N, C-alpha and C. Protein backbone atom coordinates (compact mmCIF):
# COMPACT_ATOMS: atom_id res chain seq x y z
N MET A 1 -38.73 8.79 35.26
CA MET A 1 -37.49 8.08 35.56
C MET A 1 -36.42 8.56 34.59
N PRO A 2 -35.25 8.96 35.11
CA PRO A 2 -34.16 9.41 34.24
C PRO A 2 -33.71 8.31 33.29
N LYS A 3 -33.18 8.73 32.14
CA LYS A 3 -32.77 7.79 31.10
C LYS A 3 -31.71 6.80 31.61
N LYS A 4 -30.76 7.27 32.40
CA LYS A 4 -29.69 6.41 32.90
C LYS A 4 -30.25 5.30 33.79
N GLU A 5 -31.21 5.64 34.65
CA GLU A 5 -31.83 4.63 35.51
C GLU A 5 -32.57 3.60 34.68
N LEU A 6 -33.25 4.06 33.64
CA LEU A 6 -33.97 3.14 32.76
C LEU A 6 -33.01 2.19 32.06
N GLN A 7 -31.86 2.70 31.61
CA GLN A 7 -30.87 1.85 30.95
C GLN A 7 -30.35 0.79 31.90
N VAL A 8 -30.13 1.14 33.16
CA VAL A 8 -29.65 0.19 34.15
C VAL A 8 -30.70 -0.88 34.39
N LEU A 9 -31.96 -0.48 34.51
CA LEU A 9 -33.04 -1.43 34.72
C LEU A 9 -33.16 -2.40 33.55
N VAL A 10 -33.02 -1.90 32.34
CA VAL A 10 -33.09 -2.75 31.16
C VAL A 10 -31.92 -3.73 31.16
N ALA A 11 -30.72 -3.26 31.49
CA ALA A 11 -29.54 -4.14 31.55
C ALA A 11 -29.74 -5.22 32.62
N ASP A 12 -30.23 -4.82 33.80
CA ASP A 12 -30.48 -5.79 34.86
C ASP A 12 -31.48 -6.84 34.40
N GLN A 13 -32.53 -6.42 33.72
CA GLN A 13 -33.55 -7.35 33.26
C GLN A 13 -32.99 -8.31 32.22
N LYS A 14 -32.12 -7.83 31.35
CA LYS A 14 -31.50 -8.71 30.35
C LYS A 14 -30.67 -9.80 31.03
N ILE A 15 -29.96 -9.43 32.09
CA ILE A 15 -29.17 -10.43 32.82
C ILE A 15 -30.09 -11.41 33.53
N LEU A 16 -31.13 -10.91 34.17
CA LEU A 16 -32.08 -11.79 34.87
C LEU A 16 -32.71 -12.79 33.91
N ASN A 17 -32.93 -12.39 32.67
CA ASN A 17 -33.52 -13.28 31.67
C ASN A 17 -32.57 -14.40 31.25
N LYS A 18 -31.31 -14.28 31.61
CA LYS A 18 -30.31 -15.30 31.27
C LYS A 18 -30.02 -16.25 32.42
N ILE A 19 -30.73 -16.10 33.51
CA ILE A 19 -30.55 -16.99 34.67
C ILE A 19 -31.58 -18.11 34.58
N TYR A 20 -31.09 -19.33 34.66
CA TYR A 20 -31.94 -20.52 34.58
C TYR A 20 -31.78 -21.32 35.87
N VAL A 21 -32.76 -22.12 36.18
CA VAL A 21 -32.65 -23.05 37.31
C VAL A 21 -32.47 -24.44 36.73
N ILE A 22 -31.30 -25.01 36.96
CA ILE A 22 -30.96 -26.34 36.46
C ILE A 22 -30.37 -27.12 37.63
N ARG A 23 -30.87 -28.32 37.84
CA ARG A 23 -30.44 -29.16 38.96
C ARG A 23 -30.62 -28.44 40.30
N GLY A 24 -31.63 -27.59 40.36
CA GLY A 24 -31.92 -26.87 41.59
C GLY A 24 -31.00 -25.69 41.86
N GLU A 25 -30.13 -25.35 40.90
CA GLU A 25 -29.18 -24.25 41.05
C GLU A 25 -29.54 -23.13 40.07
N LYS A 26 -29.40 -21.90 40.50
CA LYS A 26 -29.52 -20.76 39.59
C LYS A 26 -28.19 -20.64 38.86
N VAL A 27 -28.25 -20.71 37.53
CA VAL A 27 -27.04 -20.70 36.73
C VAL A 27 -27.18 -19.79 35.51
N MET A 28 -26.03 -19.45 34.94
CA MET A 28 -25.98 -18.81 33.64
C MET A 28 -25.09 -19.68 32.76
N LEU A 29 -25.35 -19.65 31.46
CA LEU A 29 -24.62 -20.50 30.52
C LEU A 29 -23.38 -19.81 29.96
N ASP A 30 -22.43 -20.64 29.56
CA ASP A 30 -21.19 -20.13 29.00
C ASP A 30 -21.42 -19.18 27.84
N GLN A 31 -22.37 -19.49 26.97
CA GLN A 31 -22.60 -18.64 25.80
C GLN A 31 -23.12 -17.26 26.19
N ASP A 32 -23.86 -17.17 27.29
CA ASP A 32 -24.34 -15.87 27.75
C ASP A 32 -23.20 -15.05 28.35
N PHE A 33 -22.29 -15.72 29.08
CA PHE A 33 -21.12 -15.02 29.60
C PHE A 33 -20.22 -14.56 28.46
N SER A 34 -20.13 -15.36 27.41
CA SER A 34 -19.32 -14.99 26.26
C SER A 34 -19.81 -13.68 25.65
N VAL A 35 -21.11 -13.54 25.56
CA VAL A 35 -21.68 -12.29 25.03
C VAL A 35 -21.37 -11.14 25.98
N MET A 36 -21.55 -11.36 27.27
CA MET A 36 -21.29 -10.30 28.26
C MET A 36 -19.84 -9.84 28.24
N TYR A 37 -18.92 -10.79 28.09
CA TYR A 37 -17.49 -10.46 28.10
C TYR A 37 -16.92 -10.21 26.70
N ALA A 38 -17.77 -10.29 25.69
CA ALA A 38 -17.37 -10.03 24.30
C ALA A 38 -16.20 -10.91 23.85
N VAL A 39 -16.32 -12.21 24.14
CA VAL A 39 -15.34 -13.19 23.68
C VAL A 39 -16.10 -14.36 23.07
N GLU A 40 -15.43 -15.15 22.26
CA GLU A 40 -16.06 -16.35 21.71
C GLU A 40 -16.22 -17.38 22.82
N THR A 41 -17.26 -18.17 22.72
CA THR A 41 -17.53 -19.20 23.73
C THR A 41 -16.35 -20.16 23.85
N LYS A 42 -15.75 -20.53 22.73
CA LYS A 42 -14.62 -21.46 22.80
C LYS A 42 -13.43 -20.85 23.54
N GLN A 43 -13.24 -19.54 23.44
CA GLN A 43 -12.16 -18.90 24.19
C GLN A 43 -12.46 -18.90 25.69
N LEU A 44 -13.71 -18.65 26.03
CA LEU A 44 -14.11 -18.68 27.44
C LEU A 44 -13.90 -20.07 28.01
N LYS A 45 -14.33 -21.10 27.27
CA LYS A 45 -14.15 -22.48 27.73
C LYS A 45 -12.68 -22.84 27.85
N ARG A 46 -11.87 -22.35 26.94
CA ARG A 46 -10.43 -22.62 26.98
C ARG A 46 -9.82 -22.04 28.26
N GLN A 47 -10.21 -20.83 28.62
CA GLN A 47 -9.69 -20.21 29.84
C GLN A 47 -10.15 -20.97 31.08
N VAL A 48 -11.38 -21.44 31.05
CA VAL A 48 -11.89 -22.23 32.18
C VAL A 48 -11.08 -23.52 32.31
N LYS A 49 -10.78 -24.19 31.20
CA LYS A 49 -9.99 -25.42 31.25
C LYS A 49 -8.59 -25.15 31.77
N ARG A 50 -8.00 -24.02 31.36
CA ARG A 50 -6.66 -23.67 31.84
C ARG A 50 -6.64 -23.37 33.33
N ASN A 51 -7.77 -22.99 33.86
CA ASN A 51 -7.89 -22.65 35.27
C ASN A 51 -8.85 -23.60 35.98
N ALA A 52 -8.84 -24.86 35.59
CA ALA A 52 -9.81 -25.84 36.08
C ALA A 52 -9.79 -25.97 37.60
N ASP A 53 -8.64 -25.78 38.22
CA ASP A 53 -8.56 -25.90 39.67
C ASP A 53 -9.37 -24.83 40.39
N ARG A 54 -9.73 -23.75 39.71
CA ARG A 54 -10.54 -22.69 40.31
C ARG A 54 -12.04 -22.96 40.21
N PHE A 55 -12.42 -24.00 39.48
CA PHE A 55 -13.83 -24.27 39.22
C PHE A 55 -14.24 -25.66 39.72
N PRO A 56 -14.47 -25.81 41.03
CA PRO A 56 -14.98 -27.09 41.52
C PRO A 56 -16.37 -27.37 40.98
N LYS A 57 -16.86 -28.57 41.20
CA LYS A 57 -18.14 -29.00 40.64
C LYS A 57 -19.31 -28.13 41.09
N ASP A 58 -19.19 -27.50 42.26
CA ASP A 58 -20.30 -26.64 42.70
C ASP A 58 -20.21 -25.24 42.10
N PHE A 59 -19.18 -24.96 41.30
CA PHE A 59 -19.05 -23.69 40.60
C PHE A 59 -19.58 -23.78 39.16
N MET A 60 -19.46 -24.96 38.56
CA MET A 60 -19.90 -25.13 37.17
C MET A 60 -20.11 -26.60 36.87
N PHE A 61 -20.89 -26.86 35.83
CA PHE A 61 -21.11 -28.24 35.38
C PHE A 61 -21.60 -28.20 33.94
N PRO A 62 -21.29 -29.25 33.16
CA PRO A 62 -21.80 -29.31 31.79
C PRO A 62 -23.26 -29.78 31.81
N LEU A 63 -24.05 -29.25 30.93
CA LEU A 63 -25.43 -29.71 30.80
C LEU A 63 -25.43 -31.08 30.14
N THR A 64 -26.38 -31.89 30.51
CA THR A 64 -26.58 -33.14 29.80
C THR A 64 -27.35 -32.82 28.52
N LYS A 65 -27.35 -33.75 27.60
CA LYS A 65 -28.09 -33.54 26.35
C LYS A 65 -29.58 -33.31 26.64
N LYS A 66 -30.12 -34.06 27.57
CA LYS A 66 -31.53 -33.92 27.93
C LYS A 66 -31.81 -32.54 28.53
N GLU A 67 -30.93 -32.08 29.43
CA GLU A 67 -31.10 -30.74 30.03
C GLU A 67 -31.04 -29.66 28.95
N PHE A 68 -30.11 -29.83 28.03
CA PHE A 68 -29.95 -28.86 26.95
C PHE A 68 -31.20 -28.81 26.07
N GLU A 69 -31.70 -29.97 25.70
CA GLU A 69 -32.91 -30.02 24.87
C GLU A 69 -34.11 -29.44 25.62
N ASN A 70 -34.22 -29.74 26.90
CA ASN A 70 -35.31 -29.20 27.71
C ASN A 70 -35.22 -27.67 27.79
N LEU A 71 -34.04 -27.15 27.99
CA LEU A 71 -33.84 -25.71 28.06
C LEU A 71 -34.21 -25.04 26.73
N ARG A 72 -33.76 -25.65 25.65
CA ARG A 72 -34.09 -25.10 24.33
C ARG A 72 -35.59 -25.10 24.09
N SER A 73 -36.29 -26.15 24.49
CA SER A 73 -37.73 -26.22 24.26
C SER A 73 -38.47 -25.21 25.14
N GLN A 74 -37.96 -24.93 26.34
CA GLN A 74 -38.60 -23.96 27.22
C GLN A 74 -38.42 -22.54 26.72
N THR A 75 -37.27 -22.25 26.16
CA THR A 75 -37.00 -20.89 25.71
C THR A 75 -37.46 -20.65 24.28
N GLY A 76 -37.75 -21.72 23.57
CA GLY A 76 -38.20 -21.57 22.18
C GLY A 76 -37.11 -21.10 21.26
N THR A 77 -35.87 -21.30 21.65
CA THR A 77 -34.74 -20.83 20.86
C THR A 77 -34.15 -21.97 20.06
N SER A 78 -34.05 -21.77 18.77
CA SER A 78 -33.42 -22.79 17.93
C SER A 78 -32.00 -22.40 17.55
N GLY A 79 -31.57 -21.22 17.94
CA GLY A 79 -30.25 -20.73 17.59
C GLY A 79 -29.11 -21.47 18.25
N TRP A 80 -29.40 -22.33 19.23
CA TRP A 80 -28.35 -23.07 19.91
C TRP A 80 -28.04 -24.39 19.22
N GLY A 81 -28.65 -24.64 18.10
CA GLY A 81 -28.54 -25.94 17.44
C GLY A 81 -27.16 -26.28 16.93
N GLY A 82 -26.27 -25.30 16.74
CA GLY A 82 -24.99 -25.57 16.14
C GLY A 82 -23.87 -25.87 17.10
N THR A 83 -24.16 -26.10 18.36
CA THR A 83 -23.09 -26.33 19.32
C THR A 83 -22.52 -27.74 19.18
N ARG A 84 -21.21 -27.86 19.26
CA ARG A 84 -20.55 -29.16 19.21
C ARG A 84 -20.53 -29.81 20.58
N TYR A 85 -20.41 -28.98 21.60
CA TYR A 85 -20.30 -29.47 22.97
C TYR A 85 -21.45 -28.91 23.79
N MET A 86 -21.83 -29.64 24.79
CA MET A 86 -22.90 -29.18 25.66
C MET A 86 -22.44 -27.92 26.40
N PRO A 87 -23.34 -26.99 26.58
CA PRO A 87 -22.98 -25.76 27.29
C PRO A 87 -22.58 -26.05 28.74
N MET A 88 -21.78 -25.17 29.27
CA MET A 88 -21.40 -25.23 30.68
C MET A 88 -22.32 -24.28 31.43
N ALA A 89 -22.78 -24.72 32.59
CA ALA A 89 -23.61 -23.89 33.46
C ALA A 89 -22.75 -23.44 34.63
N PHE A 90 -22.80 -22.13 34.92
CA PHE A 90 -22.00 -21.57 36.00
C PHE A 90 -22.92 -21.07 37.11
N THR A 91 -22.63 -21.50 38.33
CA THR A 91 -23.37 -21.03 39.50
C THR A 91 -22.89 -19.62 39.84
N GLU A 92 -23.46 -19.05 40.86
CA GLU A 92 -23.06 -17.69 41.27
C GLU A 92 -21.58 -17.63 41.60
N GLN A 93 -21.06 -18.66 42.30
CA GLN A 93 -19.63 -18.69 42.62
C GLN A 93 -18.79 -18.83 41.36
N GLY A 94 -19.27 -19.63 40.41
CA GLY A 94 -18.57 -19.80 39.15
C GLY A 94 -18.55 -18.51 38.35
N ALA A 95 -19.66 -17.79 38.39
CA ALA A 95 -19.73 -16.50 37.68
C ALA A 95 -18.72 -15.52 38.26
N ALA A 96 -18.60 -15.51 39.58
CA ALA A 96 -17.62 -14.63 40.21
C ALA A 96 -16.21 -15.02 39.82
N MET A 97 -15.95 -16.32 39.74
CA MET A 97 -14.62 -16.80 39.37
C MET A 97 -14.31 -16.46 37.91
N LEU A 98 -15.33 -16.53 37.05
CA LEU A 98 -15.12 -16.19 35.64
C LEU A 98 -14.60 -14.77 35.47
N SER A 99 -15.09 -13.88 36.29
CA SER A 99 -14.68 -12.48 36.16
C SER A 99 -13.21 -12.28 36.50
N SER A 100 -12.59 -13.27 37.16
CA SER A 100 -11.20 -13.12 37.55
C SER A 100 -10.20 -13.80 36.62
N ILE A 101 -10.69 -14.54 35.61
CA ILE A 101 -9.73 -15.23 34.72
C ILE A 101 -9.61 -14.54 33.39
């Protein structure tokens, strides 16, 4: 397999590893999009708030504290402990909208 194809497969797998099923929806979290777009999470959230009319409830939703704790326990990640606000989960439509703001 050529090196370029392998790099694409690795990139695809990294994205797939960031997709979670929450409330029966496949979603990605704001902090993962922040890494992908190379911006701080608070800047991403600020842009979403400024464009709130573009994000109906079926495009994104905040995690509850219980959902957040459950997600952290499933992934075994303790690095999310410093968040002040619950992460936002973006559906496929929300992810597409994020790319336009």
